[in-house]
N, C-alpha and C. Protein backbone atom coordinates (compact mmCIF):
# COMPACT_ATOMS: atom_id res chain seq x y z
N MET A 1 25.67 28.34 13.70
CA MET A 1 24.61 29.21 13.41
C MET A 1 25.01 30.09 12.28
N GLU A 2 24.10 30.33 11.36
CA GLU A 2 24.38 31.18 10.19
C GLU A 2 24.47 32.63 10.62
N PRO A 3 25.37 33.42 10.06
CA PRO A 3 25.42 34.90 10.38
C PRO A 3 24.07 35.50 10.09
N GLY A 4 23.63 36.36 10.95
CA GLY A 4 22.40 37.11 10.76
C GLY A 4 21.16 36.40 11.32
N THR A 5 21.33 35.11 11.75
CA THR A 5 20.20 34.36 12.43
C THR A 5 20.15 34.69 13.88
N ARG A 6 19.00 34.51 14.43
CA ARG A 6 18.76 34.81 15.85
C ARG A 6 18.59 33.51 16.62
N ARG A 7 19.10 33.53 17.81
CA ARG A 7 18.95 32.38 18.72
C ARG A 7 17.80 32.85 19.64
N SER A 8 16.91 31.89 20.00
CA SER A 8 15.82 32.17 20.84
C SER A 8 15.67 31.05 21.81
N CYS A 9 15.02 31.38 22.89
CA CYS A 9 14.71 30.31 23.90
C CYS A 9 13.31 30.62 24.37
N ILE A 10 12.51 29.58 24.31
CA ILE A 10 11.11 29.65 24.70
C ILE A 10 10.91 29.05 26.08
N VAL A 11 10.34 29.81 26.94
CA VAL A 11 10.09 29.33 28.34
C VAL A 11 8.65 29.53 28.61
N LYS A 12 7.99 28.57 29.00
CA LYS A 12 6.56 28.67 29.33
C LYS A 12 6.41 28.22 30.82
N LEU A 13 5.79 28.99 31.65
CA LEU A 13 5.63 28.81 33.06
C LEU A 13 4.14 28.51 33.37
N LEU A 14 3.94 27.73 34.43
CA LEU A 14 2.65 27.47 34.90
C LEU A 14 2.48 28.50 36.14
N ARG A 15 1.41 29.32 36.03
CA ARG A 15 1.14 30.27 37.14
C ARG A 15 0.95 29.49 38.47
N PRO A 16 1.46 30.02 39.52
CA PRO A 16 1.23 29.42 40.92
C PRO A 16 -0.22 29.10 41.21
N ASP A 17 -1.10 30.00 40.84
CA ASP A 17 -2.58 29.76 41.14
C ASP A 17 -3.17 28.66 40.28
N ARG A 18 -2.45 28.10 39.31
CA ARG A 18 -3.00 26.94 38.52
C ARG A 18 -2.24 25.73 38.76
N LEU A 19 -1.33 25.69 39.73
CA LEU A 19 -0.48 24.47 40.00
C LEU A 19 -1.36 23.25 40.30
N HIS A 20 -2.49 23.48 40.93
CA HIS A 20 -3.39 22.38 41.38
C HIS A 20 -4.22 21.83 40.28
N LYS A 21 -4.22 22.51 39.08
CA LYS A 21 -5.09 22.18 37.97
C LYS A 21 -4.33 21.15 37.05
N THR A 22 -4.76 19.95 37.17
CA THR A 22 -4.08 18.81 36.40
C THR A 22 -4.08 19.05 34.94
N GLN A 23 -5.18 19.57 34.42
CA GLN A 23 -5.29 19.87 32.97
C GLN A 23 -4.22 20.89 32.51
N SER A 24 -4.05 21.90 33.27
CA SER A 24 -2.99 22.88 32.89
C SER A 24 -1.59 22.32 32.96
N ARG A 25 -1.31 21.54 34.01
CA ARG A 25 0.05 20.92 34.10
C ARG A 25 0.26 19.95 32.92
N ASP A 26 -0.74 19.10 32.66
CA ASP A 26 -0.64 18.11 31.56
C ASP A 26 -0.43 18.78 30.28
N ARG A 27 -1.08 19.86 29.97
CA ARG A 27 -0.92 20.59 28.68
C ARG A 27 0.48 21.17 28.63
N LEU A 28 1.01 21.72 29.64
CA LEU A 28 2.36 22.32 29.69
C LEU A 28 3.42 21.12 29.40
N ILE A 29 3.17 20.01 30.01
CA ILE A 29 4.14 18.91 29.77
C ILE A 29 4.03 18.43 28.34
N ARG A 30 2.83 18.31 27.74
CA ARG A 30 2.71 17.94 26.30
C ARG A 30 3.44 19.00 25.41
N GLU A 31 3.20 20.25 25.68
CA GLU A 31 3.85 21.30 24.85
C GLU A 31 5.34 21.22 24.97
N GLY A 32 5.86 21.05 26.17
CA GLY A 32 7.30 20.98 26.35
C GLY A 32 7.86 19.78 25.65
N THR A 33 7.12 18.66 25.72
CA THR A 33 7.68 17.41 25.08
C THR A 33 7.64 17.61 23.57
N LEU A 34 6.63 18.25 22.96
CA LEU A 34 6.61 18.51 21.56
C LEU A 34 7.75 19.39 21.22
N LEU A 35 8.02 20.49 21.93
CA LEU A 35 9.11 21.43 21.64
C LEU A 35 10.43 20.78 21.61
N THR A 36 10.67 19.85 22.57
CA THR A 36 12.01 19.24 22.59
C THR A 36 12.12 18.22 21.40
N GLN A 37 10.98 17.62 20.96
CA GLN A 37 11.07 16.70 19.86
C GLN A 37 11.39 17.47 18.53
N LEU A 38 10.95 18.74 18.46
CA LEU A 38 11.13 19.49 17.23
C LEU A 38 12.46 20.26 17.31
N CYS A 39 13.05 20.33 18.37
CA CYS A 39 14.31 21.20 18.56
C CYS A 39 15.53 20.55 18.03
N HIS A 40 16.51 21.44 17.72
CA HIS A 40 17.80 20.91 17.37
C HIS A 40 18.52 20.35 18.60
N PRO A 41 19.70 19.83 18.42
CA PRO A 41 20.42 19.29 19.57
C PRO A 41 20.50 20.34 20.70
N HIS A 42 20.23 19.82 21.89
CA HIS A 42 20.14 20.69 23.09
C HIS A 42 21.51 21.20 23.48
N LEU A 43 22.55 20.36 23.52
CA LEU A 43 23.90 20.62 23.79
C LEU A 43 24.32 21.11 25.25
N ASP A 44 23.35 20.97 26.13
CA ASP A 44 23.73 21.20 27.51
C ASP A 44 22.93 20.30 28.42
N LEU A 45 22.79 19.01 28.07
CA LEU A 45 22.12 18.07 28.91
C LEU A 45 22.89 17.88 30.23
N LYS A 46 22.21 18.10 31.29
CA LYS A 46 22.81 17.87 32.62
C LYS A 46 21.66 17.85 33.59
N PRO A 47 21.88 17.28 34.83
CA PRO A 47 20.76 17.12 35.80
C PRO A 47 19.88 18.39 36.01
N SER A 48 20.55 19.52 36.08
CA SER A 48 19.78 20.71 36.40
C SER A 48 18.95 21.25 35.28
N ASN A 49 19.12 20.68 34.09
CA ASN A 49 18.29 21.05 32.88
C ASN A 49 17.25 20.06 32.61
N ILE A 50 17.01 19.09 33.48
CA ILE A 50 15.96 18.08 33.29
C ILE A 50 15.04 18.09 34.48
N VAL A 51 13.75 18.22 34.28
CA VAL A 51 12.74 18.16 35.35
C VAL A 51 11.88 17.00 35.03
N ALA A 52 11.73 16.16 36.01
CA ALA A 52 10.89 14.91 35.91
C ALA A 52 9.64 15.11 36.76
N GLN A 53 8.51 14.81 36.12
CA GLN A 53 7.29 14.94 36.86
C GLN A 53 6.25 14.04 36.21
N ALA A 54 5.56 13.30 37.06
CA ALA A 54 4.49 12.43 36.56
C ALA A 54 5.01 11.36 35.55
N GLY A 55 6.20 10.93 35.86
CA GLY A 55 6.84 9.95 34.92
C GLY A 55 7.31 10.43 33.63
N LYS A 56 7.31 11.71 33.38
CA LYS A 56 7.87 12.33 32.12
C LYS A 56 8.97 13.33 32.48
N ALA A 57 9.95 13.41 31.57
CA ALA A 57 11.03 14.28 31.74
C ALA A 57 10.88 15.41 30.73
N THR A 58 11.12 16.63 31.18
CA THR A 58 11.16 17.82 30.30
C THR A 58 12.50 18.55 30.31
N LEU A 59 12.98 18.87 29.22
CA LEU A 59 14.29 19.64 29.11
C LEU A 59 14.04 21.06 29.28
N LEU A 60 14.88 21.72 29.99
CA LEU A 60 14.86 23.17 30.25
C LEU A 60 16.10 23.84 29.59
N ASP A 61 16.14 25.09 29.46
CA ASP A 61 17.25 25.92 29.06
C ASP A 61 17.65 25.49 27.65
N LEU A 62 17.03 25.98 26.68
CA LEU A 62 17.38 25.73 25.24
C LEU A 62 18.31 26.77 24.66
N SER A 63 18.95 27.53 25.43
CA SER A 63 19.86 28.61 25.05
C SER A 63 21.03 28.20 24.14
N LEU A 64 21.52 27.01 24.36
CA LEU A 64 22.68 26.49 23.52
C LEU A 64 22.19 25.63 22.39
N ALA A 65 20.94 25.33 22.25
CA ALA A 65 20.49 24.46 21.14
C ALA A 65 20.73 25.24 19.81
N GLN A 66 21.23 24.36 18.86
CA GLN A 66 21.53 24.88 17.56
C GLN A 66 21.35 23.81 16.49
N ALA A 67 21.36 24.26 15.24
CA ALA A 67 21.19 23.27 14.14
C ALA A 67 22.45 22.48 14.08
N PRO A 68 22.26 21.14 13.64
CA PRO A 68 23.51 20.35 13.44
C PRO A 68 24.57 21.00 12.62
N GLY A 69 25.78 20.90 13.11
CA GLY A 69 26.92 21.55 12.35
C GLY A 69 28.02 21.81 13.42
N PRO A 70 28.96 22.61 13.02
CA PRO A 70 30.10 23.01 13.88
C PRO A 70 29.62 23.84 15.02
N CYS A 71 30.18 23.74 16.19
CA CYS A 71 29.84 24.57 17.32
C CYS A 71 31.11 25.16 17.93
N PRO A 72 31.00 26.27 18.59
CA PRO A 72 32.20 26.79 19.26
C PRO A 72 32.84 25.84 20.26
N ALA A 73 34.06 25.71 20.26
CA ALA A 73 34.76 24.79 21.17
C ALA A 73 34.39 25.06 22.64
N GLY A 74 34.03 24.02 23.37
CA GLY A 74 33.76 24.09 24.83
C GLY A 74 32.41 24.67 25.11
N MET A 75 31.49 24.68 24.18
CA MET A 75 30.12 25.16 24.40
C MET A 75 29.32 24.17 25.13
N GLY A 76 28.94 24.40 26.46
CA GLY A 76 28.20 23.41 27.16
C GLY A 76 28.80 23.31 28.61
N THR A 77 28.35 22.31 29.36
CA THR A 77 28.83 22.05 30.72
C THR A 77 29.91 21.05 30.68
N THR A 78 31.13 21.34 31.15
CA THR A 78 32.28 20.51 30.91
C THR A 78 32.05 19.07 31.30
N GLU A 79 31.42 18.77 32.40
CA GLU A 79 31.31 17.44 32.93
C GLU A 79 30.43 16.55 32.00
N TYR A 80 29.57 17.16 31.13
CA TYR A 80 28.63 16.50 30.33
C TYR A 80 28.84 16.65 28.77
N MET A 81 29.92 17.27 28.49
CA MET A 81 30.13 17.65 27.03
C MET A 81 30.70 16.43 26.29
N ALA A 82 30.24 16.24 25.13
CA ALA A 82 30.67 15.19 24.18
C ALA A 82 32.09 15.66 23.59
N PRO A 83 33.03 14.72 23.24
CA PRO A 83 34.20 15.14 22.72
C PRO A 83 34.20 16.18 21.55
N GLU A 84 33.16 16.01 20.68
CA GLU A 84 32.99 16.90 19.57
C GLU A 84 32.68 18.33 20.04
N GLN A 85 32.01 18.49 21.22
CA GLN A 85 31.68 19.83 21.78
C GLN A 85 33.04 20.37 22.30
N VAL A 86 33.78 19.57 22.98
CA VAL A 86 35.06 20.09 23.51
C VAL A 86 35.94 20.65 22.38
N ALA A 87 35.99 19.87 21.28
CA ALA A 87 36.82 20.22 20.14
C ALA A 87 36.27 21.26 19.25
N GLY A 88 35.02 21.56 19.34
CA GLY A 88 34.35 22.53 18.43
C GLY A 88 34.05 21.92 17.04
N ASP A 89 33.82 20.59 17.01
CA ASP A 89 33.52 19.89 15.80
C ASP A 89 32.03 19.90 15.54
N ARG A 90 31.64 19.08 14.54
CA ARG A 90 30.20 19.00 14.21
C ARG A 90 29.38 18.30 15.34
N VAL A 91 28.30 18.99 15.72
CA VAL A 91 27.43 18.40 16.73
C VAL A 91 26.09 18.05 16.10
N ASP A 92 25.44 17.01 16.65
CA ASP A 92 24.12 16.52 16.14
C ASP A 92 23.46 15.71 17.28
N THR A 93 22.51 14.97 16.96
CA THR A 93 21.83 14.09 18.01
C THR A 93 22.76 13.26 18.83
N PRO A 94 23.75 12.65 18.25
CA PRO A 94 24.59 11.76 19.05
C PRO A 94 25.30 12.58 20.17
N THR A 95 25.48 13.89 20.00
CA THR A 95 26.13 14.73 21.01
C THR A 95 25.21 14.72 22.21
N ASP A 96 23.94 14.81 22.08
CA ASP A 96 22.99 14.80 23.23
C ASP A 96 22.96 13.37 23.82
N VAL A 97 23.12 12.36 22.99
CA VAL A 97 23.17 10.97 23.55
C VAL A 97 24.31 10.91 24.54
N TRP A 98 25.49 11.50 24.22
CA TRP A 98 26.58 11.45 25.10
C TRP A 98 26.26 12.18 26.44
N GLY A 99 25.60 13.36 26.30
CA GLY A 99 25.25 14.11 27.50
C GLY A 99 24.23 13.36 28.37
N LEU A 100 23.23 12.70 27.71
CA LEU A 100 22.26 11.88 28.44
C LEU A 100 22.88 10.77 29.16
N ALA A 101 23.88 10.10 28.52
CA ALA A 101 24.60 9.02 29.13
C ALA A 101 25.28 9.56 30.37
N GLY A 102 25.87 10.69 30.33
CA GLY A 102 26.48 11.29 31.54
C GLY A 102 25.47 11.54 32.65
N VAL A 103 24.30 12.00 32.31
CA VAL A 103 23.17 12.27 33.28
C VAL A 103 22.76 10.92 33.92
N LEU A 104 22.64 9.88 33.08
CA LEU A 104 22.22 8.60 33.59
C LEU A 104 23.32 8.00 34.55
N TYR A 105 24.60 8.20 34.13
CA TYR A 105 25.71 7.72 34.97
C TYR A 105 25.61 8.39 36.41
N ARG A 106 25.35 9.73 36.33
CA ARG A 106 25.30 10.49 37.61
C ARG A 106 24.12 9.97 38.42
N ALA A 107 22.94 9.69 37.81
CA ALA A 107 21.82 9.13 38.50
C ALA A 107 22.00 7.82 39.08
N ALA A 108 22.84 6.96 38.38
CA ALA A 108 23.03 5.60 38.80
C ALA A 108 24.14 5.46 39.91
N THR A 109 25.14 6.41 39.83
CA THR A 109 26.27 6.29 40.79
C THR A 109 26.38 7.41 41.80
N GLY A 110 25.74 8.53 41.46
CA GLY A 110 25.82 9.64 42.39
C GLY A 110 27.18 10.38 42.16
N ARG A 111 27.91 10.07 41.12
CA ARG A 111 29.15 10.70 40.87
C ARG A 111 29.04 11.37 39.53
N ARG A 112 29.85 12.48 39.31
CA ARG A 112 29.89 13.06 37.97
C ARG A 112 30.70 12.23 37.09
N PRO A 113 30.34 12.13 35.79
CA PRO A 113 31.03 11.27 34.84
C PRO A 113 32.45 11.78 34.65
N PHE A 114 32.67 13.01 34.52
CA PHE A 114 34.02 13.58 34.25
C PHE A 114 34.07 14.79 35.13
N PRO A 115 34.53 14.71 36.40
CA PRO A 115 34.63 15.91 37.22
C PRO A 115 35.52 16.97 36.67
N ALA A 116 35.08 18.22 36.67
CA ALA A 116 35.91 19.35 36.18
C ALA A 116 36.70 19.93 37.23
N SER A 117 37.89 20.36 36.88
CA SER A 117 38.77 21.19 37.85
C SER A 117 38.25 22.45 37.96
N GLU A 118 38.83 23.36 38.80
CA GLU A 118 38.42 24.75 38.91
C GLU A 118 38.57 25.60 37.68
N HIS A 119 39.42 25.05 36.79
CA HIS A 119 39.79 25.74 35.55
C HIS A 119 38.99 25.26 34.35
N GLY A 120 38.04 24.34 34.61
CA GLY A 120 37.17 23.97 33.49
C GLY A 120 37.81 22.74 32.77
N ARG A 121 38.94 22.16 33.10
CA ARG A 121 39.44 21.05 32.42
C ARG A 121 39.12 19.82 33.09
N TRP A 122 38.99 18.77 32.38
CA TRP A 122 38.65 17.47 33.01
C TRP A 122 39.71 16.94 33.81
N THR A 123 39.31 16.21 34.90
CA THR A 123 40.25 15.61 35.79
C THR A 123 39.76 14.13 35.85
N THR A 124 40.65 13.26 36.33
CA THR A 124 40.30 11.91 36.61
C THR A 124 39.74 11.71 37.96
N GLY A 125 38.94 10.74 38.20
CA GLY A 125 38.43 10.59 39.54
C GLY A 125 37.20 9.85 39.69
């Protein structure tokens, strides 16, 4: 991130009194999908940041998203971080592909791809 630039996170919620309105839900899903398509790499793909509804997935928590380029070492959730995130190297779309692969592994096996120790370092297992 360039000095002097601001990081922002956009969150849009559906009011509880409108949960039953299909049109409102569909519009929120469309807007969320558009936002994620226009966004920079997410950099924190993990099961708790993905909500699936009506056959569509929506990414939550864009607080770590940034333009492609170097990132601070260790930025993200250890179990789902790509090697370049761990090292603080250049991040881009492939970084999110790594995180998504970790999420799919967890969904398929029920196990974390790289379990973290209490100190945030990877362990085998």
